[in-house]
Amino acid sequence: LRLETSIAMNRFRPALVVKTSEAFDEDYWADFSIDDL
């Protein structure tokens, strides 16, 4: 929303992408689970 031209997630080379509703919420994830892991 801040860029003139949108970019793809592949610029940042993540291993895991989580569907979130709050921007930068993952900054605060000290402990979390994915399924039972």
Full PDB file with SEQRES, HELIX, SHEET, SSBOND, CRYST1, ORIGX, SCALE, CONECT and MASTER records, all heavy atoms in Angstrom:
SEQRES   1 A   37  LEU ARG LEU GLU THR SER ILE ALA MET ASN ARG PHE ARG          
SEQRES   2 A   37  PRO ALA LEU VAL VAL LYS THR SER GLU ALA PHE ASP GLU          
SEQRES   3 A   37  ASP TYR TRP ALA ASP PHE SER ILE ASP ASP LEU                  
HELIX    1 AA1 MET A    9  PHE A   12  5                                   4    
HELIX    2 AA2 ASP A   25  TYR A   28  5                                   4    
CRYST1    1.000    1.000    1.000  90.00  90.00  90.00 P 1           1          
ORIGX1      1.000000  0.000000  0.000000        0.00000                         
ORIGX2      0.000000  1.000000  0.000000        0.00000                         
ORIGX3      0.000000  0.000000  1.000000        0.00000                         
SCALE1      1.000000  0.000000  0.000000        0.00000                         
SCALE2      0.000000  1.000000  0.000000        0.00000                         
SCALE3      0.000000  0.000000  1.000000        0.00000                         
ATOM      1  N   LEU A   1       0.823  -1.213   0.000  1.00  0.00           N  
ATOM      2  CA  LEU A   1       0.000   0.000   0.000  1.00  0.00           C  
ATOM      3  C   LEU A   1       0.860   1.268   0.000  1.00  0.00           C  
ATOM      4  O   LEU A   1       0.417   2.322  -0.431  1.00  0.00           O  
ATOM      5  CB  LEU A   1      -0.932   0.010   1.214  1.00  0.00           C  
ATOM      6  CG  LEU A   1      -2.093  -0.977   1.199  1.00  0.00           C  
ATOM      7  CD1 LEU A   1      -2.829  -0.946   2.525  1.00  0.00           C  
ATOM      8  CD2 LEU A   1      -3.063  -0.664   0.044  1.00  0.00           C  
ATOM      9  N   ARG A   2       2.090   1.147   0.461  1.00  0.00           N  
ATOM     10  CA  ARG A   2       3.001   2.281   0.540  1.00  0.00           C  
ATOM     11  C   ARG A   2       3.883   2.419  -0.708  1.00  0.00           C  
ATOM     12  O   ARG A   2       4.556   3.442  -0.865  1.00  0.00           O  
ATOM     13  CB  ARG A   2       3.906   2.132   1.771  1.00  0.00           C  
ATOM     14  CG  ARG A   2       3.155   2.012   3.089  1.00  0.00           C  
ATOM     15  CD  ARG A   2       4.096   1.536   4.191  1.00  0.00           C  
ATOM     16  NE  ARG A   2       3.417   1.175   5.425  1.00  0.00           N  
ATOM     17  CZ  ARG A   2       3.297   1.968   6.489  1.00  0.00           C  
ATOM     18  NH1 ARG A   2       3.835   3.171   6.475  1.00  0.00           N  
ATOM     19  NH2 ARG A   2       2.673   1.561   7.577  1.00  0.00           N  
ATOM     20  N   LEU A   3       3.920   1.380  -1.535  1.00  0.00           N  
ATOM     21  CA  LEU A   3       4.781   1.377  -2.721  1.00  0.00           C  
ATOM     22  C   LEU A   3       4.018   1.829  -3.961  1.00  0.00           C  
ATOM     23  O   LEU A   3       2.822   1.571  -4.094  1.00  0.00           O  
ATOM     24  CB  LEU A   3       5.340  -0.030  -2.968  1.00  0.00           C  
ATOM     25  CG  LEU A   3       6.241  -0.630  -1.886  1.00  0.00           C  
ATOM     26  CD1 LEU A   3       6.562  -2.082  -2.231  1.00  0.00           C  
ATOM     27  CD2 LEU A   3       7.532   0.183  -1.757  1.00  0.00           C  
ATOM     28  N   GLU A   4       4.711   2.453  -4.880  1.00  0.00           N  
ATOM     29  CA  GLU A   4       4.084   2.817  -6.158  1.00  0.00           C  
ATOM     30  C   GLU A   4       3.762   1.581  -6.982  1.00  0.00           C  
ATOM     31  O   GLU A   4       2.753   1.522  -7.671  1.00  0.00           O  
ATOM     32  CB  GLU A   4       5.014   3.751  -6.952  1.00  0.00           C  
ATOM     33  CG  GLU A   4       5.144   5.144  -6.365  1.00  0.00           C  
ATOM     34  CD  GLU A   4       5.956   6.055  -7.255  1.00  0.00           C  
ATOM     35  OE1 GLU A   4       6.257   5.676  -8.405  1.00  0.00           O  
ATOM     36  OE2 GLU A   4       6.295   7.161  -6.787  1.00  0.00           O  
ATOM     37  N   THR A   5       4.659   0.586  -6.930  1.00  0.00           N  
ATOM     38  CA  THR A   5       4.453  -0.670  -7.644  1.00  0.00           C  
ATOM     39  C   THR A   5       4.552  -1.815  -6.652  1.00  0.00           C  
ATOM     40  O   THR A   5       5.549  -1.951  -5.945  1.00  0.00           O  
ATOM     41  CB  THR A   5       5.515  -0.857  -8.745  1.00  0.00           C  
ATOM     42  OG1 THR A   5       5.472   0.266  -9.631  1.00  0.00           O  
ATOM     43  CG2 THR A   5       5.260  -2.140  -9.531  1.00  0.00           C  
ATOM     44  N   SER A   6       3.514  -2.636  -6.605  1.00  0.00           N  
ATOM     45  CA  SER A   6       3.497  -3.753  -5.669  1.00  0.00           C  
ATOM     46  C   SER A   6       4.596  -4.756  -5.996  1.00  0.00           C  
ATOM     47  O   SER A   6       5.001  -4.915  -7.153  1.00  0.00           O  
ATOM     48  CB  SER A   6       2.137  -4.462  -5.725  1.00  0.00           C  
ATOM     49  OG  SER A   6       1.121  -3.604  -5.269  1.00  0.00           O  
ATOM     50  N   ILE A   7       5.069  -5.436  -4.972  1.00  0.00           N  
ATOM     51  CA  ILE A   7       6.086  -6.466  -5.149  1.00  0.00           C  
ATOM     52  C   ILE A   7       5.563  -7.794  -4.614  1.00  0.00           C  
ATOM     53  O   ILE A   7       4.599  -7.835  -3.841  1.00  0.00           O  
ATOM     54  CB  ILE A   7       7.410  -6.105  -4.445  1.00  0.00           C  
ATOM     55  CG1 ILE A   7       7.195  -5.970  -2.932  1.00  0.00           C  
ATOM     56  CG2 ILE A   7       8.006  -4.837  -5.034  1.00  0.00           C  
ATOM     57  CD1 ILE A   7       8.479  -5.821  -2.150  1.00  0.00           C  
ATOM     58  N   ALA A   8       6.207  -8.864  -5.035  1.00  0.00           N  
ATOM     59  CA  ALA A   8       5.795 -10.198  -4.618  1.00  0.00           C  
ATOM     60  C   ALA A   8       6.512 -10.620  -3.349  1.00  0.00           C  
ATOM     61  O   ALA A   8       7.585 -10.103  -3.013  1.00  0.00           O  
ATOM     62  CB  ALA A   8       6.077 -11.201  -5.740  1.00  0.00           C  
ATOM     63  N   MET A   9       5.945 -11.602  -2.667  1.00  0.00           N  
ATOM     64  CA  MET A   9       6.546 -12.125  -1.442  1.00  0.00           C  
ATOM     65  C   MET A   9       7.919 -12.726  -1.700  1.00  0.00           C  
ATOM     66  O   MET A   9       8.781 -12.749  -0.807  1.00  0.00           O  
ATOM     67  CB  MET A   9       5.612 -13.179  -0.827  1.00  0.00           C  
ATOM     68  CG  MET A   9       6.058 -13.725   0.514  1.00  0.00           C  
ATOM     69  SD  MET A   9       6.042 -12.488   1.851  1.00  0.00           S  
ATOM     70  CE  MET A   9       4.303 -12.568   2.354  1.00  0.00           C  
ATOM     71  N   ASN A  10       8.170 -13.202  -2.939  1.00  0.00           N  
ATOM     72  CA  ASN A  10       9.454 -13.865  -3.199  1.00  0.00           C  
ATOM     73  C   ASN A  10      10.650 -12.935  -3.061  1.00  0.00           C  
ATOM     74  O   ASN A  10      11.791 -13.396  -2.958  1.00  0.00           O  
ATOM     75  CB  ASN A  10       9.454 -14.550  -4.574  1.00  0.00           C  
ATOM     76  CG  ASN A  10       9.284 -13.592  -5.742  1.00  0.00           C  
ATOM     77  OD1 ASN A  10       9.384 -12.374  -5.609  1.00  0.00           O  
ATOM     78  ND2 ASN A  10       9.031 -14.170  -6.911  1.00  0.00           N  
ATOM     79  N   ARG A  11      10.443 -11.612  -3.036  1.00  0.00           N  
ATOM     80  CA  ARG A  11      11.555 -10.692  -2.774  1.00  0.00           C  
ATOM     81  C   ARG A  11      12.200 -10.968  -1.411  1.00  0.00           C  
ATOM     82  O   ARG A  11      13.385 -10.722  -1.213  1.00  0.00           O  
ATOM     83  CB  ARG A  11      11.069  -9.242  -2.779  1.00  0.00           C  
ATOM     84  CG  ARG A  11      10.576  -8.713  -4.107  1.00  0.00           C  
ATOM     85  CD  ARG A  11      11.746  -8.403  -5.040  1.00  0.00           C  
ATOM     86  NE  ARG A  11      11.275  -7.644  -6.181  1.00  0.00           N  
ATOM     87  CZ  ARG A  11      11.381  -6.338  -6.336  1.00  0.00           C  
ATOM     88  NH1 ARG A  11      11.997  -5.633  -5.407  1.00  0.00           N  
ATOM     89  NH2 ARG A  11      10.912  -5.739  -7.405  1.00  0.00           N  
ATOM     90  N   PHE A  12      11.408 -11.479  -0.460  1.00  0.00           N  
ATOM     91  CA  PHE A  12      11.873 -11.627   0.919  1.00  0.00           C  
ATOM     92  C   PHE A  12      12.271 -13.057   1.273  1.00  0.00           C  
ATOM     93  O   PHE A  12      12.728 -13.311   2.381  1.00  0.00           O  
ATOM     94  CB  PHE A  12      10.797 -11.117   1.877  1.00  0.00           C  
ATOM     95  CG  PHE A  12      10.483  -9.663   1.681  1.00  0.00           C  
ATOM     96  CD1 PHE A  12       9.333  -9.257   1.021  1.00  0.00           C  
ATOM     97  CD2 PHE A  12      11.367  -8.685   2.130  1.00  0.00           C  
ATOM     98  CE1 PHE A  12       9.053  -7.905   0.824  1.00  0.00           C  
ATOM     99  CE2 PHE A  12      11.095  -7.340   1.944  1.00  0.00           C  
ATOM    100  CZ  PHE A  12       9.937  -6.951   1.283  1.00  0.00           C  
ATOM    101  N   ARG A  13      12.054 -13.997   0.372  1.00  0.00           N  
ATOM    102  CA  ARG A  13      12.547 -15.357   0.491  1.00  0.00           C  
ATOM    103  C   ARG A  13      12.173 -16.038   1.817  1.00  0.00           C  
ATOM    104  O   ARG A  13      13.020 -16.611   2.511  1.00  0.00           O  
ATOM    105  CB  ARG A  13      14.070 -15.383   0.275  1.00  0.00           C  
ATOM    106  CG  ARG A  13      14.467 -14.705  -1.036  1.00  0.00           C  
ATOM    107  CD  ARG A  13      15.942 -14.664  -1.259  1.00  0.00           C  
ATOM    108  NE  ARG A  13      16.493 -15.990  -1.460  1.00  0.00           N  
ATOM    109  CZ  ARG A  13      16.416 -16.692  -2.600  1.00  0.00           C  
ATOM    110  NH1 ARG A  13      15.773 -16.181  -3.658  1.00  0.00           N  
ATOM    111  NH2 ARG A  13      16.953 -17.890  -2.694  1.00  0.00           N  
ATOM    112  N   PRO A  14      10.868 -16.013   2.177  1.00  0.00           N  
ATOM    113  CA  PRO A  14      10.460 -16.685   3.420  1.00  0.00           C  
ATOM    114  C   PRO A  14      10.403 -18.194   3.237  1.00  0.00           C  
ATOM    115  O   PRO A  14      10.271 -18.707   2.114  1.00  0.00           O  
ATOM    116  CB  PRO A  14       9.067 -16.121   3.668  1.00  0.00           C  
ATOM    117  CG  PRO A  14       8.535 -15.874   2.279  1.00  0.00           C  
ATOM    118  CD  PRO A  14       9.729 -15.399   1.487  1.00  0.00           C  
ATOM    119  N   ALA A  15      10.485 -18.907   4.341  1.00  0.00           N  
ATOM    120  CA  ALA A  15      10.215 -20.350   4.338  1.00  0.00           C  
ATOM    121  C   ALA A  15       8.731 -20.600   4.585  1.00  0.00           C  
ATOM    122  O   ALA A  15       8.117 -21.453   3.947  1.00  0.00           O  
ATOM    123  CB  ALA A  15      11.060 -21.051   5.388  1.00  0.00           C  
ATOM    124  N   LEU A  16       8.154 -19.829   5.520  1.00  0.00           N  
ATOM    125  CA  LEU A  16       6.745 -19.981   5.866  1.00  0.00           C  
ATOM    126  C   LEU A  16       6.026 -18.650   5.721  1.00  0.00           C  
ATOM    127  O   LEU A  16       6.525 -17.611   6.170  1.00  0.00           O  
ATOM    128  CB  LEU A  16       6.597 -20.481   7.308  1.00  0.00           C  
ATOM    129  CG  LEU A  16       7.315 -21.790   7.669  1.00  0.00           C  
ATOM    130  CD1 LEU A  16       7.092 -22.119   9.141  1.00  0.00           C  
ATOM    131  CD2 LEU A  16       6.856 -22.932   6.785  1.00  0.00           C  
ATOM    132  N   VAL A  17       4.862 -18.686   5.084  1.00  0.00           N  
ATOM    133  CA  VAL A  17       4.002 -17.505   4.969  1.00  0.00           C  
ATOM    134  C   VAL A  17       2.682 -17.826   5.658  1.00  0.00           C  
ATOM    135  O   VAL A  17       2.041 -18.841   5.352  1.00  0.00           O  
ATOM    136  CB  VAL A  17       3.751 -17.128   3.494  1.00  0.00           C  
ATOM    137  CG1 VAL A  17       2.799 -15.934   3.402  1.00  0.00           C  
ATOM    138  CG2 VAL A  17       5.064 -16.808   2.790  1.00  0.00           C  
ATOM    139  N   VAL A  18       2.316 -16.984   6.605  1.00  0.00           N  
ATOM    140  CA  VAL A  18       1.086 -17.194   7.374  1.00  0.00           C  
ATOM    141  C   VAL A  18       0.052 -16.155   6.959  1.00  0.00           C  
ATOM    142  O   VAL A  18       0.365 -14.964   6.819  1.00  0.00           O  
ATOM    143  CB  VAL A  18       1.364 -17.097   8.893  1.00  0.00           C  
ATOM    144  CG1 VAL A  18       0.069 -17.191   9.691  1.00  0.00           C  
ATOM    145  CG2 VAL A  18       2.328 -18.200   9.315  1.00  0.00           C  
ATOM    146  N   LYS A  19      -1.168 -16.611   6.749  1.00  0.00           N  
ATOM    147  CA  LYS A  19      -2.282 -15.708   6.443  1.00  0.00           C  
ATOM    148  C   LYS A  19      -2.643 -14.954   7.708  1.00  0.00           C  
ATOM    149  O   LYS A  19      -3.139 -15.525   8.687  1.00  0.00           O  
ATOM    150  CB  LYS A  19      -3.478 -16.516   5.937  1.00  0.00           C  
ATOM    151  CG  LYS A  19      -4.700 -15.683   5.593  1.00  0.00           C  
ATOM    152  CD  LYS A  19      -4.456 -14.816   4.366  1.00  0.00           C  
ATOM    153  CE  LYS A  19      -5.738 -14.066   3.969  1.00  0.00           C  
ATOM    154  NZ  LYS A  19      -5.486 -13.153   2.819  1.00  0.00           N  
ATOM    155  N   THR A  20      -2.387 -13.637   7.706  1.00  0.00           N  
ATOM    156  CA  THR A  20      -2.624 -12.805   8.889  1.00  0.00           C  
ATOM    157  C   THR A  20      -3.545 -11.641   8.547  1.00  0.00           C  
ATOM    158  O   THR A  20      -3.715 -11.281   7.370  1.00  0.00           O  
ATOM    159  CB  THR A  20      -1.301 -12.267   9.462  1.00  0.00           C  
ATOM    160  OG1 THR A  20      -0.601 -11.563   8.422  1.00  0.00           O  
ATOM    161  CG2 THR A  20      -0.426 -13.380   9.986  1.00  0.00           C  
ATOM    162  N   SER A  21      -4.107 -11.025   9.559  1.00  0.00           N  
ATOM    163  CA  SER A  21      -4.980  -9.860   9.359  1.00  0.00           C  
ATOM    164  C   SER A  21      -4.366  -8.579   9.898  1.00  0.00           C  
ATOM    165  O   SER A  21      -4.811  -7.486   9.563  1.00  0.00           O  
ATOM    166  CB  SER A  21      -6.339 -10.094  10.032  1.00  0.00           C  
ATOM    167  OG  SER A  21      -6.174 -10.355  11.416  1.00  0.00           O  
ATOM    168  N   GLU A  22      -3.324  -8.688  10.750  1.00  0.00           N  
ATOM    169  CA  GLU A  22      -2.666  -7.529  11.346  1.00  0.00           C  
ATOM    170  C   GLU A  22      -1.246  -7.414  10.803  1.00  0.00           C  
ATOM    171  O   GLU A  22      -0.447  -8.352  10.918  1.00  0.00           O  
ATOM    172  CB  GLU A  22      -2.620  -7.651  12.863  1.00  0.00           C  
ATOM    173  CG  GLU A  22      -3.986  -7.704  13.534  1.00  0.00           C  
ATOM    174  CD  GLU A  22      -4.708  -6.365  13.468  1.00  0.00           C  
ATOM    175  OE1 GLU A  22      -4.009  -5.336  13.403  1.00  0.00           O  
ATOM    176  OE2 GLU A  22      -5.945  -6.373  13.487  1.00  0.00           O  
ATOM    177  N   ALA A  23      -0.912  -6.265  10.226  1.00  0.00           N  
ATOM    178  CA  ALA A  23       0.429  -6.054   9.678  1.00  0.00           C  
ATOM    179  C   ALA A  23       1.491  -6.149  10.770  1.00  0.00           C  
ATOM    180  O   ALA A  23       1.325  -5.581  11.852  1.00  0.00           O  
ATOM    181  CB  ALA A  23       0.508  -4.698   8.992  1.00  0.00           C  
ATOM    182  N   PHE A  24       2.526  -6.893  10.514  1.00  0.00           N  
ATOM    183  CA  PHE A  24       3.703  -7.038  11.393  1.00  0.00           C  
ATOM    184  C   PHE A  24       3.367  -7.671  12.732  1.00  0.00           C  
ATOM    185  O   PHE A  24       4.121  -7.550  13.690  1.00  0.00           O  
ATOM    186  CB  PHE A  24       4.412  -5.687  11.572  1.00  0.00           C  
ATOM    187  CG  PHE A  24       4.705  -5.028  10.248  1.00  0.00           C  
ATOM    188  CD1 PHE A  24       3.985  -3.921   9.838  1.00  0.00           C  
ATOM    189  CD2 PHE A  24       5.672  -5.556   9.398  1.00  0.00           C  
ATOM    190  CE1 PHE A  24       4.230  -3.337   8.602  1.00  0.00           C  
ATOM    191  CE2 PHE A  24       5.915  -4.977   8.159  1.00  0.00           C  
ATOM    192  CZ  PHE A  24       5.197  -3.866   7.756  1.00  0.00           C  
ATOM    193  N   ASP A  25       2.239  -8.362  12.785  1.00  0.00           N  
ATOM    194  CA  ASP A  25       1.885  -9.061  14.019  1.00  0.00           C  
ATOM    195  C   ASP A  25       2.927 -10.111  14.366  1.00  0.00           C  
ATOM    196  O   ASP A  25       3.200 -10.368  15.551  1.00  0.00           O  
ATOM    197  CB  ASP A  25       0.508  -9.716  13.864  1.00  0.00           C  
ATOM    198  CG  ASP A  25      -0.022 -10.267  15.170  1.00  0.00           C  
ATOM    199  OD1 ASP A  25      -0.145  -9.491  16.132  1.00  0.00           O  
ATOM    200  OD2 ASP A  25      -0.284 -11.486  15.242  1.00  0.00           O  
ATOM    201  N   GLU A  26       3.550 -10.726  13.342  1.00  0.00           N  
ATOM    202  CA  GLU A  26       4.541 -11.784  13.590  1.00  0.00           C  
ATOM    203  C   GLU A  26       5.767 -11.278  14.342  1.00  0.00           C  
ATOM    204  O   GLU A  26       6.525 -12.075  14.923  1.00  0.00           O  
ATOM    205  CB  GLU A  26       4.973 -12.446  12.269  1.00  0.00           C  
ATOM    206  CG  GLU A  26       5.683 -11.555  11.285  1.00  0.00           C  
ATOM    207  CD  GLU A  26       4.740 -10.807  10.344  1.00  0.00           C  
ATOM    208  OE1 GLU A  26       3.538 -10.690  10.660  1.00  0.00           O  
ATOM    209  OE2 GLU A  26       5.223 -10.344   9.295  1.00  0.00           O  
ATOM    210  N   ASP A  27       5.979  -9.960  14.367  1.00  0.00           N  
ATOM    211  CA  ASP A  27       7.092  -9.395  15.143  1.00  0.00           C  
ATOM    212  C   ASP A  27       7.034  -9.819  16.613  1.00  0.00           C  
ATOM    213  O   ASP A  27       8.072  -9.904  17.283  1.00  0.00           O  
ATOM    214  CB  ASP A  27       7.048  -7.862  15.115  1.00  0.00           C  
ATOM    215  CG  ASP A  27       7.412  -7.270  13.766  1.00  0.00           C  
ATOM    216  OD1 ASP A  27       7.659  -8.036  12.816  1.00  0.00           O  
ATOM    217  OD2 ASP A  27       7.460  -6.026  13.671  1.00  0.00           O  
ATOM    218  N   TYR A  28       5.823 -10.058  17.113  1.00  0.00           N  
ATOM    219  CA  TYR A  28       5.607 -10.257  18.543  1.00  0.00           C  
ATOM    220  C   TYR A  28       5.400 -11.721  18.917  1.00  0.00           C  
ATOM    221  O   TYR A  28       5.103 -12.020  20.062  1.00  0.00           O  
ATOM    222  CB  TYR A  28       4.397  -9.429  18.991  1.00  0.00           C  
ATOM    223  CG  TYR A  28       4.547  -7.967  18.668  1.00  0.00           C  
ATOM    224  CD1 TYR A  28       4.074  -7.464  17.455  1.00  0.00           C  
ATOM    225  CD2 TYR A  28       5.196  -7.102  19.539  1.00  0.00           C  
ATOM    226  CE1 TYR A  28       4.241  -6.119  17.127  1.00  0.00           C  
ATOM    227  CE2 TYR A  28       5.364  -5.761  19.219  1.00  0.00           C  
ATOM    228  CZ  TYR A  28       4.881  -5.280  18.013  1.00  0.00           C  
ATOM    229  OH  TYR A  28       5.047  -3.949  17.691  1.00  0.00           O  
ATOM    230  N   TRP A  29       5.588 -12.633  17.970  1.00  0.00           N  
ATOM    231  CA  TRP A  29       5.324 -14.043  18.237  1.00  0.00           C  
ATOM    232  C   TRP A  29       6.524 -14.674  18.937  1.00  0.00           C  
ATOM    233  O   TRP A  29       7.456 -15.159  18.312  1.00  0.00           O  
ATOM    234  CB  TRP A  29       5.030 -14.796  16.950  1.00  0.00           C  
ATOM    235  CG  TRP A  29       3.778 -14.339  16.248  1.00  0.00           C  
ATOM    236  CD1 TRP A  29       2.944 -13.329  16.626  1.00  0.00           C  
ATOM    237  CD2 TRP A  29       3.245 -14.870  15.039  1.00  0.00           C  
ATOM    238  NE1 TRP A  29       1.916 -13.190  15.735  1.00  0.00           N  
ATOM    239  CE2 TRP A  29       2.076 -14.126  14.747  1.00  0.00           C  
ATOM    240  CE3 TRP A  29       3.631 -15.889  14.185  1.00  0.00           C  
ATOM    241  CZ2 TRP A  29       1.300 -14.383  13.618  1.00  0.00           C  
ATOM    242  CZ3 TRP A  29       2.861 -16.155  13.059  1.00  0.00           C  
ATOM    243  CH2 TRP A  29       1.706 -15.412  12.789  1.00  0.00           C  
ATOM    244  N   ALA A  30       6.481 -14.684  20.248  1.00  0.00           N  
ATOM    245  CA  ALA A  30       7.567 -15.294  21.020  1.00  0.00           C  
ATOM    246  C   ALA A  30       7.462 -16.815  20.984  1.00  0.00           C  
ATOM    247  O   ALA A  30       8.450 -17.514  20.775  1.00  0.00           O  
ATOM    248  CB  ALA A  30       7.534 -14.793  22.454  1.00  0.00           C  
ATOM    249  N   ASP A  31       6.256 -17.338  21.182  1.00  0.00           N  
ATOM    250  CA  ASP A  31       5.990 -18.773  21.078  1.00  0.00           C  
ATOM    251  C   ASP A  31       4.714 -18.961  20.274  1.00  0.00           C  
ATOM    252  O   ASP A  31       3.714 -18.258  20.502  1.00  0.00           O  
ATOM    253  CB  ASP A  31       5.810 -19.419  22.453  1.00  0.00           C  
ATOM    254  CG  ASP A  31       7.089 -19.411  23.279  1.00  0.00           C  
ATOM    255  OD1 ASP A  31       8.085 -19.997  22.818  1.00  0.00           O  
ATOM    256  OD2 ASP A  31       7.084 -18.795  24.364  1.00  0.00           O  
ATOM    257  N   PHE A  32       4.731 -19.921  19.366  1.00  0.00           N  
ATOM    258  CA  PHE A  32       3.536 -20.196  18.574  1.00  0.00           C  
ATOM    259  C   PHE A  32       3.584 -21.627  18.076  1.00  0.00           C  
ATOM    260  O   PHE A  32       4.628 -22.295  18.116  1.00  0.00           O  
ATOM    261  CB  PHE A  32       3.394 -19.211  17.415  1.00  0.00           C  
ATOM    262  CG  PHE A  32       4.477 -19.280  16.369  1.00  0.00           C  
ATOM    263  CD1 PHE A  32       4.293 -19.989  15.191  1.00  0.00           C  
ATOM    264  CD2 PHE A  32       5.685 -18.625  16.558  1.00  0.00           C  
ATOM    265  CE1 PHE A  32       5.288 -20.060  14.226  1.00  0.00           C  
ATOM    266  CE2 PHE A  32       6.683 -18.673  15.596  1.00  0.00           C  
ATOM    267  CZ  PHE A  32       6.491 -19.398  14.419  1.00  0.00           C  
ATOM    268  N   SER A  33       2.432 -22.098  17.643  1.00  0.00           N  
ATOM    269  CA  SER A  33       2.354 -23.467  17.117  1.00  0.00           C  
ATOM    270  C   SER A  33       1.747 -23.445  15.727  1.00  0.00           C  
ATOM    271  O   SER A  33       0.942 -22.567  15.386  1.00  0.00           O  
ATOM    272  CB  SER A  33       1.522 -24.360  18.041  1.00  0.00           C  
ATOM    273  OG  SER A  33       0.186 -23.892  18.107  1.00  0.00           O  
ATOM    274  N   ILE A  34       2.147 -24.402  14.920  1.00  0.00           N  
ATOM    275  CA  ILE A  34       1.523 -24.667  13.632  1.00  0.00           C  
ATOM    276  C   ILE A  34       1.052 -26.100  13.698  1.00  0.00           C  
ATOM    277  O   ILE A  34       1.866 -27.023  13.776  1.00  0.00           O  
ATOM    278  CB  ILE A  34       2.497 -24.454  12.451  1.00  0.00           C  
ATOM    279  CG1 ILE A  34       3.050 -23.027  12.465  1.00  0.00           C  
ATOM    280  CG2 ILE A  34       1.797 -24.743  11.127  1.00  0.00           C  
ATOM    281  CD1 ILE A  34       4.079 -22.747  11.375  1.00  0.00           C  
ATOM    282  N   ASP A  35      -0.261 -26.282  13.714  1.00  0.00           N  
ATOM    283  CA  ASP A  35      -0.866 -27.559  14.038  1.00  0.00           C  
ATOM    284  C   ASP A  35      -0.359 -27.943  15.431  1.00  0.00           C  
ATOM    285  O   ASP A  35      -0.542 -27.188  16.373  1.00  0.00           O  
ATOM    286  CB  ASP A  35      -0.547 -28.597  12.964  1.00  0.00           C  
ATOM    287  CG  ASP A  35      -1.432 -29.843  13.110  1.00  0.00           C  
ATOM    288  OD1 ASP A  35      -2.509 -29.746  13.714  1.00  0.00           O  
ATOM    289  OD2 ASP A  35      -1.031 -30.911  12.609  1.00  0.00           O  
ATOM    290  N   ASP A  36       0.329 -29.083  15.580  1.00  0.00           N  
ATOM    291  CA  ASP A  36       0.812 -29.462  16.916  1.00  0.00           C  
ATOM    292  C   ASP A  36       2.317 -29.268  17.067  1.00  0.00           C  
ATOM    293  O   ASP A  36       2.915 -29.727  18.051  1.00  0.00           O  
ATOM    294  CB  ASP A  36       0.446 -30.914  17.230  1.00  0.00           C  
ATOM    295  CG  ASP A  36       1.053 -31.898  16.240  1.00  0.00           C  
ATOM    296  OD1 ASP A  36       1.567 -31.451  15.186  1.00  0.00           O  
ATOM    297  OD2 ASP A  36       1.012 -33.112  16.503  1.00  0.00           O  
ATOM    298  N   LEU A  37       2.961 -28.568  16.122  1.00  0.00           N  
ATOM    299  CA  LEU A  37       4.402 -28.331  16.181  1.00  0.00           C  
ATOM    300  C   LEU A  37       4.679 -26.952  16.777  1.00  0.00           C  
ATOM    301  O   LEU A  37       3.996 -25.980  16.454  1.00  0.00           O  
ATOM    302  CB  LEU A  37       5.014 -28.435  14.784  1.00  0.00           C  
ATOM    303  CG  LEU A  37       4.834 -29.790  14.089  1.00  0.00           C  
ATOM    304  CD1 LEU A  37       5.391 -29.733  12.678  1.00  0.00           C  
ATOM    305  CD2 LEU A  37       5.509 -30.898  14.889  1.00  0.00           C  
TER     306      LEU A  37                                                      
MASTER        0    0    0    2    0    0    0    6  305    1    0    3          
END                                                                             
